[in-house]
Amino acid sequence: MKIKGALAVVAAAMLTACVSSPGPRIAPPPPQPQGVEGSWVDPNGIVSTFQGGTFNTRATDTNALLASGTYTNVSPTLVEINMTSIVRQTQSRVNCAMVSPSQLNCTADSGSQFSLTRRI
């Protein structure tokens, strides 16, 4: 009987040793931003920020304010910006379509078009 008991203890110890511990935990990716909130950059490196209904654009090198205004989410993929250019002292309306979570395609009321890429 003592041998059977000892064998049972050894077998249990061996089974415990075979059970692998969980591997390193991989953190889930950060949540994807929703809507236009956050920072966006144009091909020239000028940064536009959308935050709580307020819009502004700043020069990358000097951080000088180039334009400011407000924006409205017309739909989940369409944003209307009413902005004033500090440089030109003009007001304009810009409509932007979110074609992906990281790209906005925009058309100003003057007809000019540009794209913005989400800055991470």
PDB file of N, CA and C in Angstrom:
ATOM      1  N   MET A   1       0.796  -1.190   0.000  1.00  0.00           N
ATOM      2  CA  MET A   1       0.000   0.000   0.000  1.00  0.00           C
ATOM      3  C   MET A   1       0.840   1.256   0.000  1.00  0.00           C
ATOM      4  N   LYS A   2       1.955   1.206   0.753  1.00  0.00           N
ATOM      5  CA  LYS A   2       2.779   2.395   0.812  1.00  0.00           C
ATOM      6  C   LYS A   2       3.367   2.705  -0.553  1.00  0.00           C
ATOM      7  N   ILE A   3       3.667   1.698  -1.324  1.00  0.00           N
ATOM      8  CA  ILE A   3       4.228   1.904  -2.658  1.00  0.00           C
ATOM      9  C   ILE A   3       3.177   2.542  -3.569  1.00  0.00           C
ATOM     10  N   LYS A   4       1.927   2.051  -3.466  1.00  0.00           N
ATOM     11  CA  LYS A   4       0.862   2.639  -4.287  1.00  0.00           C
ATOM     12  C   LYS A   4       0.650   4.104  -3.931  1.00  0.00           C
ATOM     13  N   GLY A   5       0.684   4.409  -2.635  1.00  0.00           N
ATOM     14  CA  GLY A   5       0.516   5.790  -2.186  1.00  0.00           C
ATOM     15  C   GLY A   5       1.651   6.668  -2.673  1.00  0.00           C
ATOM     16  N   ALA A   6       2.863   6.124  -2.599  1.00  0.00           N
ATOM     17  CA  ALA A   6       4.032   6.886  -3.055  1.00  0.00           C
ATOM     18  C   ALA A   6       3.971   7.100  -4.552  1.00  0.00           C
ATOM     19  N   LEU A   7       3.541   6.077  -5.288  1.00  0.00           N
ATOM     20  CA  LEU A   7       3.411   6.209  -6.738  1.00  0.00           C
ATOM     21  C   LEU A   7       2.347   7.247  -7.102  1.00  0.00           C
ATOM     22  N   ALA A   8       1.278   7.277  -6.338  1.00  0.00           N
ATOM     23  CA  ALA A   8       0.222   8.257  -6.599  1.00  0.00           C
ATOM     24  C   ALA A   8       0.735   9.676  -6.392  1.00  0.00           C
ATOM     25  N   VAL A   9       1.536   9.857  -5.329  1.00  0.00           N
ATOM     26  CA  VAL A   9       2.106  11.181  -5.058  1.00  0.00           C
ATOM     27  C   VAL A   9       3.063  11.578  -6.176  1.00  0.00           C
ATOM     28  N   VAL A  10       3.913  10.641  -6.610  1.00  0.00           N
ATOM     29  CA  VAL A  10       4.865  10.923  -7.690  1.00  0.00           C
ATOM     30  C   VAL A  10       4.109  11.223  -8.978  1.00  0.00           C
ATOM     31  N   ALA A  11       3.071  10.460  -9.288  1.00  0.00           N
ATOM     32  CA  ALA A  11       2.287  10.681 -10.499  1.00  0.00           C
ATOM     33  C   ALA A  11       1.614  12.053 -10.461  1.00  0.00           C
ATOM     34  N   ALA A  12       1.070  12.421  -9.308  1.00  0.00           N
ATOM     35  CA  ALA A  12       0.424  13.732  -9.179  1.00  0.00           C
ATOM     36  C   ALA A  12       1.446  14.849  -9.362  1.00  0.00           C
ATOM     37  N   ALA A  13       2.640  14.671  -8.802  1.00  0.00           N
ATOM     38  CA  ALA A  13       3.698  15.682  -8.953  1.00  0.00           C
ATOM     39  C   ALA A  13       4.108  15.810 -10.419  1.00  0.00           C
ATOM     40  N   MET A  14       4.197  14.681 -11.108  1.00  0.00           N
ATOM     41  CA  MET A  14       4.585  14.706 -12.527  1.00  0.00           C
ATOM     42  C   MET A  14       3.509  15.392 -13.362  1.00  0.00           C
ATOM     43  N   LEU A  15       2.246  15.131 -13.062  1.00  0.00           N
ATOM     44  CA  LEU A  15       1.170  15.781 -13.800  1.00  0.00           C
ATOM     45  C   LEU A  15       1.176  17.283 -13.565  1.00  0.00           C
ATOM     46  N   THR A  16       1.441  17.674 -12.342  1.00  0.00           N
ATOM     47  CA  THR A  16       1.495  19.099 -12.025  1.00  0.00           C
ATOM     48  C   THR A  16       2.629  19.759 -12.793  1.00  0.00           C
ATOM     49  N   ALA A  17       3.745  19.073 -12.916  1.00  0.00           N
ATOM     50  CA  ALA A  17       4.890  19.625 -13.636  1.00  0.00           C
ATOM     51  C   ALA A  17       4.592  19.757 -15.119  1.00  0.00           C
ATOM     52  N   CYS A  18       3.732  18.897 -15.649  1.00  0.00           N
ATOM     53  CA  CYS A  18       3.412  18.933 -17.072  1.00  0.00           C
ATOM     54  C   CYS A  18       2.451  20.056 -17.437  1.00  0.00           C
ATOM     55  N   VAL A  19       1.699  20.517 -16.468  1.00  0.00           N
ATOM     56  CA  VAL A  19       0.747  21.584 -16.748  1.00  0.00           C
ATOM     57  C   VAL A  19       1.539  22.869 -16.968  1.00  0.00           C
ATOM     58  N   SER A  20       1.406  23.428 -18.133  1.00  0.00           N
ATOM     59  CA  SER A  20       2.206  24.628 -18.421  1.00  0.00           C
ATOM     60  C   SER A  20       1.556  25.860 -17.799  1.00  0.00           C
ATOM     61  N   SER A  21       2.392  26.754 -17.389  1.00  0.00           N
ATOM     62  CA  SER A  21       1.872  28.014 -16.868  1.00  0.00           C
ATOM     63  C   SER A  21       1.457  28.875 -18.056  1.00  0.00           C
ATOM     64  N   PRO A  22       0.509  29.771 -17.857  1.00  0.00           N
ATOM     65  CA  PRO A  22       0.082  30.593 -18.981  1.00  0.00           C
ATOM     66  C   PRO A  22       1.254  31.442 -19.484  1.00  0.00           C
ATOM     67  N   GLY A  23       1.297  31.643 -20.791  1.00  0.00           N
ATOM     68  CA  GLY A  23       2.362  32.437 -21.398  1.00  0.00           C
ATOM     69  C   GLY A  23       2.192  33.906 -21.071  1.00  0.00           C
ATOM     70  N   PRO A  24       3.080  34.711 -21.585  1.00  0.00           N
ATOM     71  CA  PRO A  24       2.979  36.146 -21.309  1.00  0.00           C
ATOM     72  C   PRO A  24       1.670  36.700 -21.868  1.00  0.00           C
ATOM     73  N   ARG A  25       1.090  37.606 -21.118  1.00  0.00           N
ATOM     74  CA  ARG A  25      -0.173  38.199 -21.552  1.00  0.00           C
ATOM     75  C   ARG A  25       0.125  39.295 -22.572  1.00  0.00           C
ATOM     76  N   ILE A  26      -0.577  39.238 -23.660  1.00  0.00           N
ATOM     77  CA  ILE A  26      -0.417  40.249 -24.698  1.00  0.00           C
ATOM     78  C   ILE A  26      -1.520  41.275 -24.513  1.00  0.00           C
ATOM     79  N   ALA A  27      -1.114  42.511 -24.374  1.00  0.00           N
ATOM     80  CA  ALA A  27      -2.092  43.587 -24.170  1.00  0.00           C
ATOM     81  C   ALA A  27      -2.906  43.787 -25.443  1.00  0.00           C
ATOM     82  N   PRO A  28      -4.200  44.016 -25.299  1.00  0.00           N
ATOM     83  CA  PRO A  28      -5.009  44.265 -26.490  1.00  0.00           C
ATOM     84  C   PRO A  28      -4.603  45.592 -27.122  1.00  0.00           C
ATOM     85  N   PRO A  29      -4.812  45.727 -28.422  1.00  0.00           N
ATOM     86  CA  PRO A  29      -4.450  46.989 -29.065  1.00  0.00           C
ATOM     87  C   PRO A  29      -5.297  48.125 -28.502  1.00  0.00           C
ATOM     88  N   PRO A  30      -4.768  49.350 -28.531  1.00  0.00           N
ATOM     89  CA  PRO A  30      -5.559  50.474 -28.023  1.00  0.00           C
ATOM     90  C   PRO A  30      -6.819  50.631 -28.859  1.00  0.00           C
ATOM     91  N   PRO A  31      -7.886  51.146 -28.267  1.00  0.00           N
ATOM     92  CA  PRO A  31      -9.125  51.284 -29.022  1.00  0.00           C
ATOM     93  C   PRO A  31      -8.947  52.255 -30.182  1.00  0.00           C
ATOM     94  N   GLN A  32      -9.583  51.944 -31.275  1.00  0.00           N
ATOM     95  CA  GLN A  32      -9.527  52.797 -32.462  1.00  0.00           C
ATOM     96  C   GLN A  32     -10.338  54.065 -32.198  1.00  0.00           C
ATOM     97  N   PRO A  33      -9.767  55.231 -32.494  1.00  0.00           N
ATOM     98  CA  PRO A  33     -10.511  56.471 -32.264  1.00  0.00           C
ATOM     99  C   PRO A  33     -11.821  56.486 -33.060  1.00  0.00           C
ATOM    100  N   GLN A  34     -12.823  57.091 -32.478  1.00  0.00           N
ATOM    101  CA  GLN A  34     -14.126  57.198 -33.134  1.00  0.00           C
ATOM    102  C   GLN A  34     -14.294  58.602 -33.694  1.00  0.00           C
ATOM    103  N   GLY A  35     -14.881  58.703 -34.854  1.00  0.00           N
ATOM    104  CA  GLY A  35     -15.134  60.010 -35.447  1.00  0.00           C
ATOM    105  C   GLY A  35     -13.848  60.760 -35.752  1.00  0.00           C
ATOM    106  N   VAL A  36     -13.944  62.073 -35.795  1.00  0.00           N
ATOM    107  CA  VAL A  36     -12.794  62.894 -36.172  1.00  0.00           C
ATOM    108  C   VAL A  36     -11.984  63.396 -34.991  1.00  0.00           C
ATOM    109  N   GLU A  37     -12.438  63.142 -33.770  1.00  0.00           N
ATOM    110  CA  GLU A  37     -11.713  63.631 -32.591  1.00  0.00           C
ATOM    111  C   GLU A  37     -10.239  63.253 -32.681  1.00  0.00           C
ATOM    112  N   GLY A  38      -9.373  64.216 -32.402  1.00  0.00           N
ATOM    113  CA  GLY A  38      -7.942  63.954 -32.399  1.00  0.00           C
ATOM    114  C   GLY A  38      -7.191  64.847 -33.364  1.00  0.00           C
ATOM    115  N   SER A  39      -5.954  64.452 -33.642  1.00  0.00           N
ATOM    116  CA  SER A  39      -5.071  65.240 -34.504  1.00  0.00           C
ATOM    117  C   SER A  39      -4.945  64.600 -35.875  1.00  0.00           C
ATOM    118  N   TRP A  40      -4.907  65.451 -36.876  1.00  0.00           N
ATOM    119  CA  TRP A  40      -4.795  65.037 -38.270  1.00  0.00           C
ATOM    120  C   TRP A  40      -3.704  65.876 -38.918  1.00  0.00           C
ATOM    121  N   VAL A  41      -3.080  65.346 -39.949  1.00  0.00           N
ATOM    122  CA  VAL A  41      -2.000  66.063 -40.623  1.00  0.00           C
ATOM    123  C   VAL A  41      -2.238  66.044 -42.133  1.00  0.00           C
ATOM    124  N   ASP A  42      -1.892  67.158 -42.789  1.00  0.00           N
ATOM    125  CA  ASP A  42      -2.011  67.205 -44.245  1.00  0.00           C
ATOM    126  C   ASP A  42      -0.662  66.828 -44.859  1.00  0.00           C
ATOM    127  N   PRO A  43      -0.589  66.669 -46.183  1.00  0.00           N
ATOM    128  CA  PRO A  43       0.673  66.261 -46.816  1.00  0.00           C
ATOM    129  C   PRO A  43       1.836  67.232 -46.563  1.00  0.00           C
ATOM    130  N   ASN A  44       1.538  68.493 -46.218  1.00  0.00           N
ATOM    131  CA  ASN A  44       2.593  69.460 -45.932  1.00  0.00           C
ATOM    132  C   ASN A  44       3.029  69.437 -44.469  1.00  0.00           C
ATOM    133  N   GLY A  45       2.408  68.584 -43.658  1.00  0.00           N
ATOM    134  CA  GLY A  45       2.782  68.472 -42.258  1.00  0.00           C
ATOM    135  C   GLY A  45       2.035  69.414 -41.335  1.00  0.00           C
ATOM    136  N   ILE A  46       1.052  70.135 -41.851  1.00  0.00           N
ATOM    137  CA  ILE A  46       0.263  71.046 -41.015  1.00  0.00           C
ATOM    138  C   ILE A  46      -0.735  70.217 -40.212  1.00  0.00           C
ATOM    139  N   VAL A  47      -0.808  70.493 -38.916  1.00  0.00           N
ATOM    140  CA  VAL A  47      -1.625  69.682 -38.005  1.00  0.00           C
ATOM    141  C   VAL A  47      -2.957  70.358 -37.713  1.00  0.00           C
ATOM    142  N   SER A  48      -4.034  69.622 -37.907  1.00  0.00           N
ATOM    143  CA  SER A  48      -5.381  70.076 -37.567  1.00  0.00           C
ATOM    144  C   SER A  48      -5.893  69.236 -36.414  1.00  0.00           C
ATOM    145  N   THR A  49      -6.542  69.895 -35.456  1.00  0.00           N
ATOM    146  CA  THR A  49      -7.062  69.193 -34.283  1.00  0.00           C
ATOM    147  C   THR A  49      -8.559  69.406 -34.167  1.00  0.00           C
ATOM    148  N   PHE A  50      -9.269  68.307 -33.957  1.00  0.00           N
ATOM    149  CA  PHE A  50     -10.706  68.314 -33.718  1.00  0.00           C
ATOM    150  C   PHE A  50     -10.914  67.898 -32.269  1.00  0.00           C
ATOM    151  N   GLN A  51     -11.535  68.762 -31.485  1.00  0.00           N
ATOM    152  CA  GLN A  51     -11.754  68.413 -30.085  1.00  0.00           C
ATOM    153  C   GLN A  51     -13.014  69.093 -29.559  1.00  0.00           C
ATOM    154  N   GLY A  52     -13.998  68.273 -29.215  1.00  0.00           N
ATOM    155  CA  GLY A  52     -15.215  68.767 -28.588  1.00  0.00           C
ATOM    156  C   GLY A  52     -15.936  69.853 -29.366  1.00  0.00           C
ATOM    157  N   GLY A  53     -15.954  69.758 -30.692  1.00  0.00           N
ATOM    158  CA  GLY A  53     -16.643  70.749 -31.520  1.00  0.00           C
ATOM    159  C   GLY A  53     -15.779  71.915 -31.953  1.00  0.00           C
ATOM    160  N   THR A  54     -14.533  71.962 -31.473  1.00  0.00           N
ATOM    161  CA  THR A  54     -13.618  73.034 -31.838  1.00  0.00           C
ATOM    162  C   THR A  54     -12.568  72.502 -32.802  1.00  0.00           C
ATOM    163  N   PHE A  55     -12.252  73.305 -33.798  1.00  0.00           N
ATOM    164  CA  PHE A  55     -11.273  72.944 -34.823  1.00  0.00           C
ATOM    165  C   PHE A  55     -10.169  73.989 -34.839  1.00  0.00           C
ATOM    166  N   ASN A  56      -8.915  73.539 -34.945  1.00  0.00           N
ATOM    167  CA  ASN A  56      -7.831  74.494 -35.176  1.00  0.00           C
ATOM    168  C   ASN A  56      -6.729  73.839 -35.989  1.00  0.00           C
ATOM    169  N   THR A  57      -5.996  74.687 -36.685  1.00  0.00           N
ATOM    170  CA  THR A  57      -4.877  74.244 -37.505  1.00  0.00           C
ATOM    171  C   THR A  57      -3.656  75.048 -37.101  1.00  0.00           C
ATOM    172  N   ARG A  58      -2.547  74.334 -36.904  1.00  0.00           N
ATOM    173  CA  ARG A  58      -1.314  74.984 -36.459  1.00  0.00           C
ATOM    174  C   ARG A  58      -0.143  74.595 -37.353  1.00  0.00           C
ATOM    175  N   ALA A  59       0.795  75.538 -37.504  1.00  0.00           N
ATOM    176  CA  ALA A  59       2.023  75.268 -38.240  1.00  0.00           C
ATOM    177  C   ALA A  59       2.868  74.285 -37.436  1.00  0.00           C
ATOM    178  N   THR A  60       3.473  73.361 -38.125  1.00  0.00           N
ATOM    179  CA  THR A  60       4.264  72.350 -37.450  1.00  0.00           C
ATOM    180  C   THR A  60       5.533  72.936 -36.834  1.00  0.00           C
ATOM    181  N   ASP A  61       6.199  73.824 -37.557  1.00  0.00           N
ATOM    182  CA  ASP A  61       7.489  74.331 -37.085  1.00  0.00           C
ATOM    183  C   ASP A  61       7.368  75.348 -35.953  1.00  0.00           C
ATOM    184  N   THR A  62       6.381  76.257 -36.026  1.00  0.00           N
ATOM    185  CA  THR A  62       6.269  77.322 -35.021  1.00  0.00           C
ATOM    186  C   THR A  62       5.099  77.138 -34.056  1.00  0.00           C
ATOM    187  N   ASN A  63       4.213  76.206 -34.372  1.00  0.00           N
ATOM    188  CA  ASN A  63       2.987  75.983 -33.598  1.00  0.00           C
ATOM    189  C   ASN A  63       2.045  77.195 -33.663  1.00  0.00           C
ATOM    190  N   ALA A  64       2.279  78.078 -34.615  1.00  0.00           N
ATOM    191  CA  ALA A  64       1.422  79.258 -34.781  1.00  0.00           C
ATOM    192  C   ALA A  64       0.041  78.836 -35.270  1.00  0.00           C
ATOM    193  N   LEU A  65      -0.993  79.478 -34.740  1.00  0.00           N
ATOM    194  CA  LEU A  65      -2.364  79.196 -35.140  1.00  0.00           C
ATOM    195  C   LEU A  65      -2.596  79.743 -36.548  1.00  0.00           C
ATOM    196  N   LEU A  66      -3.011  78.871 -37.464  1.00  0.00           N
ATOM    197  CA  LEU A  66      -3.256  79.266 -38.850  1.00  0.00           C
ATOM    198  C   LEU A  66      -4.740  79.442 -39.132  1.00  0.00           C
ATOM    199  N   ALA A  67      -5.563  78.615 -38.497  1.00  0.00           N
ATOM    200  CA  ALA A  67      -7.011  78.682 -38.694  1.00  0.00           C
ATOM    201  C   ALA A  67      -7.694  78.114 -37.464  1.00  0.00           C
ATOM    202  N   SER A  68      -8.908  78.595 -37.207  1.00  0.00           N
ATOM    203  CA  SER A  68      -9.692  78.056 -36.094  1.00  0.00           C
ATOM    204  C   SER A  68     -11.158  78.122 -36.451  1.00  0.00           C
ATOM    205  N   GLY A  69     -11.955  77.374 -35.725  1.00  0.00           N
ATOM    206  CA  GLY A  69     -13.386  77.371 -35.976  1.00  0.00           C
ATOM    207  C   GLY A  69     -14.080  76.267 -35.218  1.00  0.00           C
ATOM    208  N   THR A  70     -15.196  75.853 -35.765  1.00  0.00           N
ATOM    209  CA  THR A  70     -16.003  74.806 -35.151  1.00  0.00           C
ATOM    210  C   THR A  70     -16.305  73.735 -36.195  1.00  0.00           C
ATOM    211  N   TYR A  71     -16.702  72.579 -35.699  1.00  0.00           N
ATOM    212  CA  TYR A  71     -17.115  71.518 -36.615  1.00  0.00           C
ATOM    213  C   TYR A  71     -18.360  70.837 -36.087  1.00  0.00           C
ATOM    214  N   THR A  72     -19.108  70.261 -37.011  1.00  0.00           N
ATOM    215  CA  THR A  72     -20.327  69.542 -36.699  1.00  0.00           C
ATOM    216  C   THR A  72     -20.296  68.198 -37.412  1.00  0.00           C
ATOM    217  N   ASN A  73     -20.633  67.150 -36.683  1.00  0.00           N
ATOM    218  CA  ASN A  73     -20.764  65.835 -37.308  1.00  0.00           C
ATOM    219  C   ASN A  73     -22.137  65.771 -37.962  1.00  0.00           C
ATOM    220  N   VAL A  74     -22.151  65.813 -39.279  1.00  0.00           N
ATOM    221  CA  VAL A  74     -23.402  65.749 -40.033  1.00  0.00           C
ATOM    222  C   VAL A  74     -23.921  64.314 -40.057  1.00  0.00           C
ATOM    223  N   SER A  75     -23.012  63.375 -40.133  1.00  0.00           N
ATOM    224  CA  SER A  75     -23.319  61.947 -40.077  1.00  0.00           C
ATOM    225  C   SER A  75     -22.082  61.251 -39.510  1.00  0.00           C
ATOM    226  N   PRO A  76     -22.131  59.942 -39.312  1.00  0.00           N
ATOM    227  CA  PRO A  76     -20.935  59.270 -38.784  1.00  0.00           C
ATOM    228  C   PRO A  76     -19.694  59.406 -39.679  1.00  0.00           C
ATOM    229  N   THR A  77     -19.901  59.694 -40.963  1.00  0.00           N
ATOM    230  CA  THR A  77     -18.754  59.789 -41.869  1.00  0.00           C
ATOM    231  C   THR A  77     -18.613  61.161 -42.538  1.00  0.00           C
ATOM    232  N   LEU A  78     -19.433  62.131 -42.164  1.00  0.00           N
ATOM    233  CA  LEU A  78     -19.356  63.458 -42.777  1.00  0.00           C
ATOM    234  C   LEU A  78     -19.273  64.536 -41.705  1.00  0.00           C
ATOM    235  N   VAL A  79     -18.288  65.421 -41.867  1.00  0.00           N
ATOM    236  CA  VAL A  79     -18.049  66.500 -40.912  1.00  0.00           C
ATOM    237  C   VAL A  79     -18.055  67.823 -41.666  1.00  0.00           C
ATOM    238  N   GLU A  80     -18.729  68.812 -41.083  1.00  0.00           N
ATOM    239  CA  GLU A  80     -18.748  70.158 -41.667  1.00  0.00           C
ATOM    240  C   GLU A  80     -17.944  71.082 -40.751  1.00  0.00           C
ATOM    241  N   ILE A  81     -16.961  71.779 -41.335  1.00  0.00           N
ATOM    242  CA  ILE A  81     -16.104  72.689 -40.575  1.00  0.00           C
ATOM    243  C   ILE A  81     -16.411  74.119 -41.003  1.00  0.00           C
ATOM    244  N   ASN A  82     -16.645  74.982 -40.046  1.00  0.00           N
ATOM    245  CA  ASN A  82     -16.750  76.422 -40.295  1.00  0.00           C
ATOM    246  C   ASN A  82     -15.501  77.037 -39.684  1.00  0.00           C
ATOM    247  N   MET A  83     -14.657  77.619 -40.531  1.00  0.00           N
ATOM    248  CA  MET A  83     -13.379  78.088 -40.011  1.00  0.00           C
ATOM    249  C   MET A  83     -13.009  79.469 -40.519  1.00  0.00           C
ATOM    250  N   THR A  84     -12.140  80.096 -39.758  1.00  0.00           N
ATOM    251  CA  THR A  84     -11.588  81.387 -40.131  1.00  0.00           C
ATOM    252  C   THR A  84     -10.087  81.212 -40.299  1.00  0.00           C
ATOM    253  N   SER A  85      -9.585  81.623 -41.453  1.00  0.00           N
ATOM    254  CA  SER A  85      -8.153  81.593 -41.694  1.00  0.00           C
ATOM    255  C   SER A  85      -7.536  82.819 -41.044  1.00  0.00           C
ATOM    256  N   ILE A  86      -6.614  82.593 -40.135  1.00  0.00           N
ATOM    257  CA  ILE A  86      -5.927  83.691 -39.471  1.00  0.00           C
ATOM    258  C   ILE A  86      -5.008  84.392 -40.472  1.00  0.00           C
ATOM    259  N   VAL A  87      -4.404  83.634 -41.338  1.00  0.00           N
ATOM    260  CA  VAL A  87      -3.461  84.162 -42.322  1.00  0.00           C
ATOM    261  C   VAL A  87      -4.163  85.045 -43.350  1.00  0.00           C
ATOM    262  N   ARG A  88      -5.269  84.553 -43.911  1.00  0.00           N
ATOM    263  CA  ARG A  88      -5.967  85.287 -44.988  1.00  0.00           C
ATOM    264  C   ARG A  88      -7.102  86.180 -44.485  1.00  0.00           C
ATOM    265  N   GLN A  89      -7.475  86.017 -43.219  1.00  0.00           N
ATOM    266  CA  GLN A  89      -8.614  86.757 -42.656  1.00  0.00           C
ATOM    267  C   GLN A  89      -9.893  86.501 -43.462  1.00  0.00           C
ATOM    268  N   THR A  90     -10.116  85.223 -43.783  1.00  0.00           N
ATOM    269  CA  THR A  90     -11.310  84.825 -44.528  1.00  0.00           C
ATOM    270  C   THR A  90     -12.024  83.713 -43.775  1.00  0.00           C
ATOM    271  N   GLN A  91     -13.323  83.617 -44.027  1.00  0.00           N
ATOM    272  CA  GLN A  91     -14.106  82.532 -43.457  1.00  0.00           C
ATOM    273  C   GLN A  91     -14.468  81.567 -44.562  1.00  0.00           C
ATOM    274  N   SER A  92     -14.529  80.287 -44.227  1.00  0.00           N
ATOM    275  CA  SER A  92     -14.920  79.290 -45.218  1.00  0.00           C
ATOM    276  C   SER A  92     -15.584  78.106 -44.544  1.00  0.00           C
ATOM    277  N   ARG A  93     -16.258  77.345 -45.357  1.00  0.00           N
ATOM    278  CA  ARG A  93     -16.904  76.108 -44.907  1.00  0.00           C
ATOM    279  C   ARG A  93     -16.223  74.966 -45.653  1.00  0.00           C
ATOM    280  N   VAL A  94     -15.903  73.921 -44.921  1.00  0.00           N
ATOM    281  CA  VAL A  94     -15.235  72.753 -45.492  1.00  0.00           C
ATOM    282  C   VAL A  94     -16.030  71.517 -45.110  1.00  0.00           C
ATOM    283  N   ASN A  95     -16.294  70.662 -46.080  1.00  0.00           N
ATOM    284  CA  ASN A  95     -16.950  69.384 -45.825  1.00  0.00           C
ATOM    285  C   ASN A  95     -15.916  68.279 -45.970  1.00  0.00           C
ATOM    286  N   CYS A  96     -15.853  67.415 -44.966  1.00  0.00           N
ATOM    287  CA  CYS A  96     -14.890  66.321 -44.974  1.00  0.00           C
ATOM    288  C   CYS A  96     -15.613  64.989 -44.847  1.00  0.00           C
ATOM    289  N   ALA A  97     -15.238  64.061 -45.701  1.00  0.00           N
ATOM    290  CA  ALA A  97     -15.778  62.704 -45.653  1.00  0.00           C
ATOM    291  C   ALA A  97     -14.715  61.786 -45.077  1.00  0.00           C
ATOM    292  N   MET A  98     -15.092  61.024 -44.043  1.00  0.00           N
ATOM    293  CA  MET A  98     -14.166  60.059 -43.466  1.00  0.00           C
ATOM    294  C   MET A  98     -14.252  58.790 -44.306  1.00  0.00           C
ATOM    295  N   VAL A  99     -13.227  58.584 -45.126  1.00  0.00           N
ATOM    296  CA  VAL A  99     -13.223  57.424 -46.012  1.00  0.00           C
ATOM    297  C   VAL A  99     -12.630  56.193 -45.338  1.00  0.00           C
ATOM    298  N   SER A 100     -11.929  56.398 -44.234  1.00  0.00           N
ATOM    299  CA  SER A 100     -11.424  55.312 -43.397  1.00  0.00           C
ATOM    300  C   SER A 100     -11.172  55.921 -42.020  1.00  0.00           C
ATOM    301  N   PRO A 101     -10.940  55.101 -41.000  1.00  0.00           N
ATOM    302  CA  PRO A 101     -10.685  55.676 -39.673  1.00  0.00           C
ATOM    303  C   PRO A 101      -9.448  56.572 -39.631  1.00  0.00           C
ATOM    304  N   SER A 102      -8.603  56.486 -40.661  1.00  0.00           N
ATOM    305  CA  SER A 102      -7.377  57.275 -40.656  1.00  0.00           C
ATOM    306  C   SER A 102      -7.279  58.280 -41.801  1.00  0.00           C
ATOM    307  N   GLN A 103      -8.337  58.472 -42.597  1.00  0.00           N
ATOM    308  CA  GLN A 103      -8.264  59.434 -43.703  1.00  0.00           C
ATOM    309  C   GLN A 103      -9.547  60.225 -43.860  1.00  0.00           C
ATOM    310  N   LEU A 104      -9.366  61.552 -43.974  1.00  0.00           N
ATOM    311  CA  LEU A 104     -10.457  62.478 -44.280  1.00  0.00           C
ATOM    312  C   LEU A 104     -10.189  63.091 -45.643  1.00  0.00           C
ATOM    313  N   ASN A 105     -11.175  63.055 -46.513  1.00  0.00           N
ATOM    314  CA  ASN A 105     -11.088  63.748 -47.792  1.00  0.00           C
ATOM    315  C   ASN A 105     -11.984  64.973 -47.694  1.00  0.00           C
ATOM    316  N   CYS A 106     -11.405  66.159 -47.907  1.00  0.00           N
ATOM    317  CA  CYS A 106     -12.107  67.412 -47.650  1.00  0.00           C
ATOM    318  C   CYS A 106     -12.240  68.257 -48.910  1.00  0.00           C
ATOM    319  N   THR A 107     -13.356  68.999 -48.973  1.00  0.00           N
ATOM    320  CA  THR A 107     -13.601  69.948 -50.052  1.00  0.00           C
ATOM    321  C   THR A 107     -14.064  71.253 -49.439  1.00  0.00           C
ATOM    322  N   ALA A 108     -13.333  72.321 -49.740  1.00  0.00           N
ATOM    323  CA  ALA A 108     -13.700  73.655 -49.250  1.00  0.00           C
ATOM    324  C   ALA A 108     -14.793  74.229 -50.133  1.00  0.00           C
ATOM    325  N   ASP A 109     -15.520  75.233 -49.621  1.00  0.00           N
ATOM    326  CA  ASP A 109     -16.584  75.851 -50.415  1.00  0.00           C
ATOM    327  C   ASP A 109     -16.029  76.538 -51.664  1.00  0.00           C
ATOM    328  N   SER A 110     -14.728  76.788 -51.702  1.00  0.00           N
ATOM    329  CA  SER A 110     -14.092  77.368 -52.893  1.00  0.00           C
ATOM    330  C   SER A 110     -13.850  76.311 -53.965  1.00  0.00           C
ATOM    331  N   GLY A 111     -14.014  75.024 -53.606  1.00  0.00           N
ATOM    332  CA  GLY A 111     -13.793  73.935 -54.543  1.00  0.00           C
ATOM    333  C   GLY A 111     -12.451  73.242 -54.367  1.00  0.00           C
ATOM    334  N   SER A 112     -11.551  73.828 -53.592  1.00  0.00           N
ATOM    335  CA  SER A 112     -10.256  73.184 -53.386  1.00  0.00           C
ATOM    336  C   SER A 112     -10.430  71.921 -52.546  1.00  0.00           C
ATOM    337  N   GLN A 113      -9.608  70.921 -52.842  1.00  0.00           N
ATOM    338  CA  GLN A 113      -9.694  69.637 -52.160  1.00  0.00           C
ATOM    339  C   GLN A 113      -8.364  69.295 -51.498  1.00  0.00           C
ATOM    340  N   PHE A 114      -8.446  68.589 -50.389  1.00  0.00           N
ATOM    341  CA  PHE A 114      -7.255  68.143 -49.678  1.00  0.00           C
ATOM    342  C   PHE A 114      -7.612  66.937 -48.825  1.00  0.00           C
ATOM    343  N   SER A 115      -6.601  66.231 -48.385  1.00  0.00           N
ATOM    344  CA  SER A 115      -6.794  65.054 -47.524  1.00  0.00           C
ATOM    345  C   SER A 115      -6.028  65.251 -46.234  1.00  0.00           C
ATOM    346  N   LEU A 116      -6.580  64.682 -45.175  1.00  0.00           N
ATOM    347  CA  LEU A 116      -5.931  64.673 -43.873  1.00  0.00           C
ATOM    348  C   LEU A 116      -5.780  63.229 -43.423  1.00  0.00           C
ATOM    349  N   THR A 117      -4.652  62.948 -42.777  1.00  0.00           N
ATOM    350  CA  THR A 117      -4.366  61.608 -42.266  1.00  0.00           C
ATOM    351  C   THR A 117      -4.286  61.680 -40.748  1.00  0.00           C
ATOM    352  N   ARG A 118      -4.948  60.732 -40.077  1.00  0.00           N
ATOM    353  CA  ARG A 118      -4.944  60.729 -38.609  1.00  0.00           C
ATOM    354  C   ARG A 118      -3.524  60.586 -38.094  1.00  0.00           C
ATOM    355  N   ARG A 119      -3.194  61.429 -37.136  1.00  0.00           N
ATOM    356  CA  ARG A 119      -1.881  61.393 -36.490  1.00  0.00           C
ATOM    357  C   ARG A 119      -1.985  60.535 -35.251  1.00  0.00           C
ATOM    358  N   ILE A 120      -1.102  59.575 -35.136  1.00  0.00           N
ATOM    359  CA  ILE A 120      -1.161  58.652 -33.997  1.00  0.00           C
ATOM    360  C   ILE A 120      -0.109  58.990 -32.978  1.00  0.00           C
TER     361      ILE A 120
END
